[in-house]
Full PDB file with SEQRES, HELIX, SHEET, SSBOND, CRYST1, ORIGX, SCALE, CONECT and MASTER records, all heavy atoms in Angstrom:
SEQRES   1 A   30  ARG TYR VAL ARG ARG PRO HIS PRO ARG ARG GLY LEU GLY          
SEQRES   2 A   30  PHE GLY PRO ALA VAL VAL TRP LEU VAL GLU THR LEU TRP          
SEQRES   3 A   30  VAL ARG PRO VAL                                              
HELIX    1 AA1 PHE A   14  VAL A   22  1                                   9    
HELIX    2 AA2 GLU A   23  VAL A   27  3                                   5    
CRYST1    1.000    1.000    1.000  90.00  90.00  90.00 P 1           1          
ORIGX1      1.000000  0.000000  0.000000        0.00000                         
ORIGX2      0.000000  1.000000  0.000000        0.00000                         
ORIGX3      0.000000  0.000000  1.000000        0.00000                         
SCALE1      1.000000  0.000000  0.000000        0.00000                         
SCALE2      0.000000  1.000000  0.000000        0.00000                         
SCALE3      0.000000  0.000000  1.000000        0.00000                         
ATOM      1  N   ARG A   1      -2.546  12.712  -0.098  1.00  0.00           N  
ATOM      2  CA  ARG A   1      -2.750  12.893  -1.539  1.00  0.00           C  
ATOM      3  C   ARG A   1      -1.662  12.207  -2.362  1.00  0.00           C  
ATOM      4  O   ARG A   1      -1.937  11.600  -3.398  1.00  0.00           O  
ATOM      5  CB  ARG A   1      -2.783  14.397  -1.865  1.00  0.00           C  
ATOM      6  CG  ARG A   1      -2.921  14.713  -3.350  1.00  0.00           C  
ATOM      7  CD  ARG A   1      -4.279  14.293  -3.889  1.00  0.00           C  
ATOM      8  NE  ARG A   1      -4.419  14.641  -5.289  1.00  0.00           N  
ATOM      9  CZ  ARG A   1      -4.006  13.885  -6.302  1.00  0.00           C  
ATOM     10  NH1 ARG A   1      -3.403  12.727  -6.055  1.00  0.00           N  
ATOM     11  NH2 ARG A   1      -4.195  14.259  -7.547  1.00  0.00           N  
ATOM     12  N   TYR A   2      -0.404  12.268  -1.910  1.00  0.00           N  
ATOM     13  CA  TYR A   2       0.702  11.834  -2.762  1.00  0.00           C  
ATOM     14  C   TYR A   2       1.483  10.623  -2.233  1.00  0.00           C  
ATOM     15  O   TYR A   2       2.223  10.012  -2.988  1.00  0.00           O  
ATOM     16  CB  TYR A   2       1.683  12.991  -2.973  1.00  0.00           C  
ATOM     17  CG  TYR A   2       1.102  14.113  -3.784  1.00  0.00           C  
ATOM     18  CD1 TYR A   2       0.673  15.287  -3.182  1.00  0.00           C  
ATOM     19  CD2 TYR A   2       0.954  13.993  -5.161  1.00  0.00           C  
ATOM     20  CE1 TYR A   2       0.129  16.327  -3.930  1.00  0.00           C  
ATOM     21  CE2 TYR A   2       0.408  15.019  -5.919  1.00  0.00           C  
ATOM     22  CZ  TYR A   2      -0.001  16.182  -5.292  1.00  0.00           C  
ATOM     23  OH  TYR A   2      -0.548  17.193  -6.034  1.00  0.00           O  
ATOM     24  N   VAL A   3       1.346  10.303  -0.951  1.00  0.00           N  
ATOM     25  CA  VAL A   3       2.124   9.196  -0.383  1.00  0.00           C  
ATOM     26  C   VAL A   3       1.241   8.015  -0.025  1.00  0.00           C  
ATOM     27  O   VAL A   3       1.602   6.863  -0.290  1.00  0.00           O  
ATOM     28  CB  VAL A   3       2.914   9.668   0.860  1.00  0.00           C  
ATOM     29  CG1 VAL A   3       3.741   8.516   1.425  1.00  0.00           C  
ATOM     30  CG2 VAL A   3       3.811  10.854   0.504  1.00  0.00           C  
ATOM     31  N   ARG A   4       0.118   8.292   0.566  1.00  0.00           N  
ATOM     32  CA  ARG A   4      -0.755   7.212   1.021  1.00  0.00           C  
ATOM     33  C   ARG A   4      -1.185   6.339  -0.146  1.00  0.00           C  
ATOM     34  O   ARG A   4      -1.617   6.831  -1.190  1.00  0.00           O  
ATOM     35  CB  ARG A   4      -1.985   7.804   1.707  1.00  0.00           C  
ATOM     36  CG  ARG A   4      -2.894   6.754   2.320  1.00  0.00           C  
ATOM     37  CD  ARG A   4      -3.987   7.435   3.133  1.00  0.00           C  
ATOM     38  NE  ARG A   4      -4.870   6.474   3.747  1.00  0.00           N  
ATOM     39  CZ  ARG A   4      -5.845   6.782   4.583  1.00  0.00           C  
ATOM     40  NH1 ARG A   4      -6.039   8.053   4.909  1.00  0.00           N  
ATOM     41  NH2 ARG A   4      -6.615   5.860   5.104  1.00  0.00           N  
ATOM     42  N   ARG A   5      -1.061   5.008   0.017  1.00  0.00           N  
ATOM     43  CA  ARG A   5      -1.376   4.059  -1.048  1.00  0.00           C  
ATOM     44  C   ARG A   5      -2.832   3.617  -0.964  1.00  0.00           C  
ATOM     45  O   ARG A   5      -3.301   3.231   0.114  1.00  0.00           O  
ATOM     46  CB  ARG A   5      -0.497   2.817  -0.937  1.00  0.00           C  
ATOM     47  CG  ARG A   5       1.000   3.064  -1.050  1.00  0.00           C  
ATOM     48  CD  ARG A   5       1.401   3.419  -2.461  1.00  0.00           C  
ATOM     49  NE  ARG A   5       1.387   4.856  -2.702  1.00  0.00           N  
ATOM     50  CZ  ARG A   5       1.511   5.406  -3.892  1.00  0.00           C  
ATOM     51  NH1 ARG A   5       1.634   4.655  -4.972  1.00  0.00           N  
ATOM     52  NH2 ARG A   5       1.503   6.701  -4.030  1.00  0.00           N  
ATOM     53  N   PRO A   6      -3.560   3.692  -2.060  1.00  0.00           N  
ATOM     54  CA  PRO A   6      -4.930   3.158  -2.050  1.00  0.00           C  
ATOM     55  C   PRO A   6      -4.903   1.638  -1.943  1.00  0.00           C  
ATOM     56  O   PRO A   6      -3.910   0.993  -2.294  1.00  0.00           O  
ATOM     57  CB  PRO A   6      -5.494   3.615  -3.395  1.00  0.00           C  
ATOM     58  CG  PRO A   6      -4.302   3.768  -4.273  1.00  0.00           C  
ATOM     59  CD  PRO A   6      -3.184   4.234  -3.380  1.00  0.00           C  
ATOM     60  N   HIS A   7      -5.973   1.090  -1.446  1.00  0.00           N  
ATOM     61  CA  HIS A   7      -6.047  -0.368  -1.318  1.00  0.00           C  
ATOM     62  C   HIS A   7      -5.959  -0.993  -2.711  1.00  0.00           C  
ATOM     63  O   HIS A   7      -6.708  -0.621  -3.624  1.00  0.00           O  
ATOM     64  CB  HIS A   7      -7.358  -0.765  -0.645  1.00  0.00           C  
ATOM     65  CG  HIS A   7      -7.396  -2.214  -0.248  1.00  0.00           C  
ATOM     66  ND1 HIS A   7      -7.611  -3.218  -1.153  1.00  0.00           N  
ATOM     67  CD2 HIS A   7      -7.214  -2.816   0.955  1.00  0.00           C  
ATOM     68  CE1 HIS A   7      -7.589  -4.393  -0.535  1.00  0.00           C  
ATOM     69  NE2 HIS A   7      -7.344  -4.171   0.757  1.00  0.00           N  
ATOM     70  N   PRO A   8      -5.009  -1.935  -2.907  1.00  0.00           N  
ATOM     71  CA  PRO A   8      -4.842  -2.522  -4.248  1.00  0.00           C  
ATOM     72  C   PRO A   8      -6.048  -3.351  -4.654  1.00  0.00           C  
ATOM     73  O   PRO A   8      -6.599  -4.115  -3.855  1.00  0.00           O  
ATOM     74  CB  PRO A   8      -3.593  -3.402  -4.085  1.00  0.00           C  
ATOM     75  CG  PRO A   8      -3.542  -3.713  -2.625  1.00  0.00           C  
ATOM     76  CD  PRO A   8      -4.084  -2.517  -1.911  1.00  0.00           C  
ATOM     77  N   ARG A   9      -6.457  -3.177  -5.887  1.00  0.00           N  
ATOM     78  CA  ARG A   9      -7.560  -3.981  -6.394  1.00  0.00           C  
ATOM     79  C   ARG A   9      -7.076  -5.367  -6.791  1.00  0.00           C  
ATOM     80  O   ARG A   9      -5.877  -5.594  -6.953  1.00  0.00           O  
ATOM     81  CB  ARG A   9      -8.183  -3.284  -7.612  1.00  0.00           C  
ATOM     82  CG  ARG A   9      -8.782  -1.920  -7.293  1.00  0.00           C  
ATOM     83  CD  ARG A   9      -9.341  -1.281  -8.560  1.00  0.00           C  
ATOM     84  NE  ARG A   9      -9.929   0.030  -8.262  1.00  0.00           N  
ATOM     85  CZ  ARG A   9     -10.443   0.825  -9.179  1.00  0.00           C  
ATOM     86  NH1 ARG A   9     -10.436   0.446 -10.464  1.00  0.00           N  
ATOM     87  NH2 ARG A   9     -10.955   1.979  -8.836  1.00  0.00           N  
ATOM     88  N   ARG A  10      -7.989  -6.253  -6.963  1.00  0.00           N  
ATOM     89  CA  ARG A  10      -7.630  -7.611  -7.341  1.00  0.00           C  
ATOM     90  C   ARG A  10      -7.005  -7.630  -8.728  1.00  0.00           C  
ATOM     91  O   ARG A  10      -7.399  -6.894  -9.610  1.00  0.00           O  
ATOM     92  CB  ARG A  10      -8.876  -8.512  -7.334  1.00  0.00           C  
ATOM     93  CG  ARG A  10      -9.477  -8.694  -5.939  1.00  0.00           C  
ATOM     94  CD  ARG A  10     -10.685  -9.612  -6.012  1.00  0.00           C  
ATOM     95  NE  ARG A  10     -11.297  -9.789  -4.699  1.00  0.00           N  
ATOM     96  CZ  ARG A  10     -12.380 -10.529  -4.481  1.00  0.00           C  
ATOM     97  NH1 ARG A  10     -12.966 -11.148  -5.508  1.00  0.00           N  
ATOM     98  NH2 ARG A  10     -12.864 -10.640  -3.264  1.00  0.00           N  
ATOM     99  N   GLY A  11      -6.009  -8.455  -8.878  1.00  0.00           N  
ATOM    100  CA  GLY A  11      -5.377  -8.629 -10.172  1.00  0.00           C  
ATOM    101  C   GLY A  11      -4.218  -7.693 -10.435  1.00  0.00           C  
ATOM    102  O   GLY A  11      -3.618  -7.743 -11.501  1.00  0.00           O  
ATOM    103  N   LEU A  12      -3.864  -6.826  -9.455  1.00  0.00           N  
ATOM    104  CA  LEU A  12      -2.754  -5.916  -9.666  1.00  0.00           C  
ATOM    105  C   LEU A  12      -1.404  -6.550  -9.346  1.00  0.00           C  
ATOM    106  O   LEU A  12      -0.371  -5.933  -9.561  1.00  0.00           O  
ATOM    107  CB  LEU A  12      -2.947  -4.653  -8.826  1.00  0.00           C  
ATOM    108  CG  LEU A  12      -4.068  -3.719  -9.286  1.00  0.00           C  
ATOM    109  CD1 LEU A  12      -4.111  -2.475  -8.413  1.00  0.00           C  
ATOM    110  CD2 LEU A  12      -3.887  -3.323 -10.748  1.00  0.00           C  
ATOM    111  N   GLY A  13      -1.411  -7.711  -8.786  1.00  0.00           N  
ATOM    112  CA  GLY A  13      -0.151  -8.395  -8.536  1.00  0.00           C  
ATOM    113  C   GLY A  13       0.306  -8.289  -7.098  1.00  0.00           C  
ATOM    114  O   GLY A  13      -0.267  -7.575  -6.266  1.00  0.00           O  
ATOM    115  N   PHE A  14       1.385  -9.000  -6.837  1.00  0.00           N  
ATOM    116  CA  PHE A  14       1.925  -9.094  -5.482  1.00  0.00           C  
ATOM    117  C   PHE A  14       2.600  -7.787  -5.052  1.00  0.00           C  
ATOM    118  O   PHE A  14       2.508  -7.384  -3.897  1.00  0.00           O  
ATOM    119  CB  PHE A  14       2.933 -10.255  -5.426  1.00  0.00           C  
ATOM    120  CG  PHE A  14       3.584 -10.424  -4.090  1.00  0.00           C  
ATOM    121  CD1 PHE A  14       2.892 -10.974  -3.020  1.00  0.00           C  
ATOM    122  CD2 PHE A  14       4.901 -10.020  -3.902  1.00  0.00           C  
ATOM    123  CE1 PHE A  14       3.508 -11.115  -1.791  1.00  0.00           C  
ATOM    124  CE2 PHE A  14       5.516 -10.167  -2.679  1.00  0.00           C  
ATOM    125  CZ  PHE A  14       4.817 -10.714  -1.617  1.00  0.00           C  
ATOM    126  N   GLY A  15       3.284  -7.096  -5.985  1.00  0.00           N  
ATOM    127  CA  GLY A  15       4.035  -5.883  -5.654  1.00  0.00           C  
ATOM    128  C   GLY A  15       3.187  -4.786  -5.044  1.00  0.00           C  
ATOM    129  O   GLY A  15       3.502  -4.295  -3.947  1.00  0.00           O  
ATOM    130  N   PRO A  16       2.108  -4.346  -5.705  1.00  0.00           N  
ATOM    131  CA  PRO A  16       1.279  -3.286  -5.127  1.00  0.00           C  
ATOM    132  C   PRO A  16       0.705  -3.655  -3.761  1.00  0.00           C  
ATOM    133  O   PRO A  16       0.567  -2.788  -2.886  1.00  0.00           O  
ATOM    134  CB  PRO A  16       0.166  -3.104  -6.160  1.00  0.00           C  
ATOM    135  CG  PRO A  16       0.772  -3.560  -7.445  1.00  0.00           C  
ATOM    136  CD  PRO A  16       1.678  -4.687  -7.078  1.00  0.00           C  
ATOM    137  N   ALA A  17       0.382  -4.934  -3.569  1.00  0.00           N  
ATOM    138  CA  ALA A  17      -0.153  -5.355  -2.275  1.00  0.00           C  
ATOM    139  C   ALA A  17       0.890  -5.209  -1.173  1.00  0.00           C  
ATOM    140  O   ALA A  17       0.584  -4.761  -0.060  1.00  0.00           O  
ATOM    141  CB  ALA A  17      -0.641  -6.802  -2.369  1.00  0.00           C  
ATOM    142  N   VAL A  18       2.150  -5.554  -1.476  1.00  0.00           N  
ATOM    143  CA  VAL A  18       3.220  -5.424  -0.487  1.00  0.00           C  
ATOM    144  C   VAL A  18       3.474  -3.952  -0.161  1.00  0.00           C  
ATOM    145  O   VAL A  18       3.631  -3.573   1.007  1.00  0.00           O  
ATOM    146  CB  VAL A  18       4.513  -6.105  -0.999  1.00  0.00           C  
ATOM    147  CG1 VAL A  18       5.682  -5.790  -0.081  1.00  0.00           C  
ATOM    148  CG2 VAL A  18       4.298  -7.607  -1.120  1.00  0.00           C  
ATOM    149  N   VAL A  19       3.508  -3.097  -1.215  1.00  0.00           N  
ATOM    150  CA  VAL A  19       3.725  -1.665  -0.994  1.00  0.00           C  
ATOM    151  C   VAL A  19       2.618  -1.088  -0.132  1.00  0.00           C  
ATOM    152  O   VAL A  19       2.870  -0.306   0.803  1.00  0.00           O  
ATOM    153  CB  VAL A  19       3.806  -0.922  -2.346  1.00  0.00           C  
ATOM    154  CG1 VAL A  19       3.820   0.585  -2.131  1.00  0.00           C  
ATOM    155  CG2 VAL A  19       5.037  -1.368  -3.113  1.00  0.00           C  
ATOM    156  N   TRP A  20       1.383  -1.452  -0.431  1.00  0.00           N  
ATOM    157  CA  TRP A  20       0.251  -0.963   0.372  1.00  0.00           C  
ATOM    158  C   TRP A  20       0.366  -1.432   1.813  1.00  0.00           C  
ATOM    159  O   TRP A  20       0.125  -0.664   2.758  1.00  0.00           O  
ATOM    160  CB  TRP A  20      -1.051  -1.456  -0.240  1.00  0.00           C  
ATOM    161  CG  TRP A  20      -2.245  -1.163   0.637  1.00  0.00           C  
ATOM    162  CD1 TRP A  20      -2.908   0.013   0.747  1.00  0.00           C  
ATOM    163  CD2 TRP A  20      -2.882  -2.074   1.547  1.00  0.00           C  
ATOM    164  NE1 TRP A  20      -3.928  -0.095   1.656  1.00  0.00           N  
ATOM    165  CE2 TRP A  20      -3.939  -1.373   2.165  1.00  0.00           C  
ATOM    166  CE3 TRP A  20      -2.676  -3.410   1.871  1.00  0.00           C  
ATOM    167  CZ2 TRP A  20      -4.773  -1.966   3.095  1.00  0.00           C  
ATOM    168  CZ3 TRP A  20      -3.509  -4.009   2.815  1.00  0.00           C  
ATOM    169  CH2 TRP A  20      -4.541  -3.279   3.410  1.00  0.00           C  
ATOM    170  N   LEU A  21       0.754  -2.687   2.016  1.00  0.00           N  
ATOM    171  CA  LEU A  21       0.852  -3.240   3.371  1.00  0.00           C  
ATOM    172  C   LEU A  21       1.932  -2.525   4.175  1.00  0.00           C  
ATOM    173  O   LEU A  21       1.720  -2.148   5.339  1.00  0.00           O  
ATOM    174  CB  LEU A  21       1.145  -4.736   3.302  1.00  0.00           C  
ATOM    175  CG  LEU A  21       1.089  -5.506   4.631  1.00  0.00           C  
ATOM    176  CD1 LEU A  21      -0.316  -5.467   5.202  1.00  0.00           C  
ATOM    177  CD2 LEU A  21       1.552  -6.943   4.432  1.00  0.00           C  
ATOM    178  N   VAL A  22       3.100  -2.306   3.553  1.00  0.00           N  
ATOM    179  CA  VAL A  22       4.201  -1.627   4.250  1.00  0.00           C  
ATOM    180  C   VAL A  22       3.813  -0.189   4.590  1.00  0.00           C  
ATOM    181  O   VAL A  22       4.037   0.291   5.710  1.00  0.00           O  
ATOM    182  CB  VAL A  22       5.476  -1.654   3.375  1.00  0.00           C  
ATOM    183  CG1 VAL A  22       6.556  -0.752   3.976  1.00  0.00           C  
ATOM    184  CG2 VAL A  22       5.995  -3.082   3.235  1.00  0.00           C  
ATOM    185  N   GLU A  23       3.202   0.501   3.626  1.00  0.00           N  
ATOM    186  CA  GLU A  23       2.808   1.883   3.880  1.00  0.00           C  
ATOM    187  C   GLU A  23       1.745   1.956   4.964  1.00  0.00           C  
ATOM    188  O   GLU A  23       1.767   2.850   5.820  1.00  0.00           O  
ATOM    189  CB  GLU A  23       2.285   2.504   2.577  1.00  0.00           C  
ATOM    190  CG  GLU A  23       1.961   3.988   2.661  1.00  0.00           C  
ATOM    191  CD  GLU A  23       0.577   4.266   3.186  1.00  0.00           C  
ATOM    192  OE1 GLU A  23      -0.335   3.461   2.907  1.00  0.00           O  
ATOM    193  OE2 GLU A  23       0.404   5.293   3.881  1.00  0.00           O  
ATOM    194  N   THR A  24       0.800   1.020   4.946  1.00  0.00           N  
ATOM    195  CA  THR A  24      -0.294   1.045   5.906  1.00  0.00           C  
ATOM    196  C   THR A  24       0.165   0.698   7.314  1.00  0.00           C  
ATOM    197  O   THR A  24      -0.218   1.358   8.291  1.00  0.00           O  
ATOM    198  CB  THR A  24      -1.401   0.068   5.465  1.00  0.00           C  
ATOM    199  OG1 THR A  24      -1.865   0.432   4.172  1.00  0.00           O  
ATOM    200  CG2 THR A  24      -2.568   0.106   6.444  1.00  0.00           C  
ATOM    201  N   LEU A  25       1.013  -0.330   7.439  1.00  0.00           N  
ATOM    202  CA  LEU A  25       1.368  -0.835   8.767  1.00  0.00           C  
ATOM    203  C   LEU A  25       2.499  -0.044   9.421  1.00  0.00           C  
ATOM    204  O   LEU A  25       2.491   0.121  10.646  1.00  0.00           O  
ATOM    205  CB  LEU A  25       1.752  -2.318   8.673  1.00  0.00           C  
ATOM    206  CG  LEU A  25       0.623  -3.284   8.290  1.00  0.00           C  
ATOM    207  CD1 LEU A  25       1.132  -4.709   8.259  1.00  0.00           C  
ATOM    208  CD2 LEU A  25      -0.547  -3.167   9.263  1.00  0.00           C  
ATOM    209  N   TRP A  26       3.466   0.418   8.647  1.00  0.00           N  
ATOM    210  CA  TRP A  26       4.643   1.031   9.255  1.00  0.00           C  
ATOM    211  C   TRP A  26       4.821   2.506   8.898  1.00  0.00           C  
ATOM    212  O   TRP A  26       5.037   3.327   9.778  1.00  0.00           O  
ATOM    213  CB  TRP A  26       5.910   0.263   8.842  1.00  0.00           C  
ATOM    214  CG  TRP A  26       6.005  -1.079   9.498  1.00  0.00           C  
ATOM    215  CD1 TRP A  26       6.269  -1.352  10.805  1.00  0.00           C  
ATOM    216  CD2 TRP A  26       5.793  -2.343   8.867  1.00  0.00           C  
ATOM    217  NE1 TRP A  26       6.251  -2.703  11.025  1.00  0.00           N  
ATOM    218  CE2 TRP A  26       5.966  -3.336   9.865  1.00  0.00           C  
ATOM    219  CE3 TRP A  26       5.495  -2.737   7.561  1.00  0.00           C  
ATOM    220  CZ2 TRP A  26       5.845  -4.688   9.589  1.00  0.00           C  
ATOM    221  CZ3 TRP A  26       5.377  -4.078   7.285  1.00  0.00           C  
ATOM    222  CH2 TRP A  26       5.539  -5.039   8.290  1.00  0.00           C  
ATOM    223  N   VAL A  27       4.740   2.824   7.613  1.00  0.00           N  
ATOM    224  CA  VAL A  27       5.055   4.193   7.198  1.00  0.00           C  
ATOM    225  C   VAL A  27       4.003   5.179   7.689  1.00  0.00           C  
ATOM    226  O   VAL A  27       4.335   6.239   8.228  1.00  0.00           O  
ATOM    227  CB  VAL A  27       5.185   4.276   5.661  1.00  0.00           C  
ATOM    228  CG1 VAL A  27       5.465   5.714   5.233  1.00  0.00           C  
ATOM    229  CG2 VAL A  27       6.289   3.350   5.182  1.00  0.00           C  
ATOM    230  N   ARG A  28       2.737   4.861   7.516  1.00  0.00           N  
ATOM    231  CA  ARG A  28       1.677   5.814   7.840  1.00  0.00           C  
ATOM    232  C   ARG A  28       1.637   6.189   9.311  1.00  0.00           C  
ATOM    233  O   ARG A  28       1.616   7.391   9.637  1.00  0.00           O  
ATOM    234  CB  ARG A  28       0.318   5.268   7.390  1.00  0.00           C  
ATOM    235  CG  ARG A  28      -0.790   6.311   7.459  1.00  0.00           C  
ATOM    236  CD  ARG A  28      -2.134   5.715   7.082  1.00  0.00           C  
ATOM    237  NE  ARG A  28      -2.077   5.025   5.794  1.00  0.00           N  
ATOM    238  CZ  ARG A  28      -3.082   4.318   5.286  1.00  0.00           C  
ATOM    239  NH1 ARG A  28      -4.224   4.215   5.985  1.00  0.00           N  
ATOM    240  NH2 ARG A  28      -2.978   3.725   4.124  1.00  0.00           N  
ATOM    241  N   PRO A  29       1.623   5.239  10.243  1.00  0.00           N  
ATOM    242  CA  PRO A  29       1.570   5.656  11.651  1.00  0.00           C  
ATOM    243  C   PRO A  29       2.791   6.458  12.082  1.00  0.00           C  
ATOM    244  O   PRO A  29       2.667   7.426  12.844  1.00  0.00           O  
ATOM    245  CB  PRO A  29       1.465   4.330  12.414  1.00  0.00           C  
ATOM    246  CG  PRO A  29       1.930   3.290  11.470  1.00  0.00           C  
ATOM    247  CD  PRO A  29       1.567   3.772  10.107  1.00  0.00           C  
ATOM    248  N   VAL A  30       3.972   6.067  11.600  1.00  0.00           N  
ATOM    249  CA  VAL A  30       5.182   6.820  11.964  1.00  0.00           C  
ATOM    250  C   VAL A  30       5.123   8.224  11.381  1.00  0.00           C  
ATOM    251  O   VAL A  30       5.472   9.212  12.039  1.00  0.00           O  
ATOM    252  CB  VAL A  30       6.442   6.078  11.475  1.00  0.00           C  
ATOM    253  CG1 VAL A  30       7.675   6.942  11.693  1.00  0.00           C  
ATOM    254  CG2 VAL A  30       6.582   4.747  12.200  1.00  0.00           C  
TER     255      VAL A  30                                                      
MASTER        0    0    0    2    0    0    0    6  254    1    0    3          
END                                                                             
């Protein structure tokens, strides 16, 4: 509810995409 990042929509910029990628690949499984 509070940590997991939703998939960034188009046009939100590079920052949200990087945050989503880091959370998805490393933070979430750990």
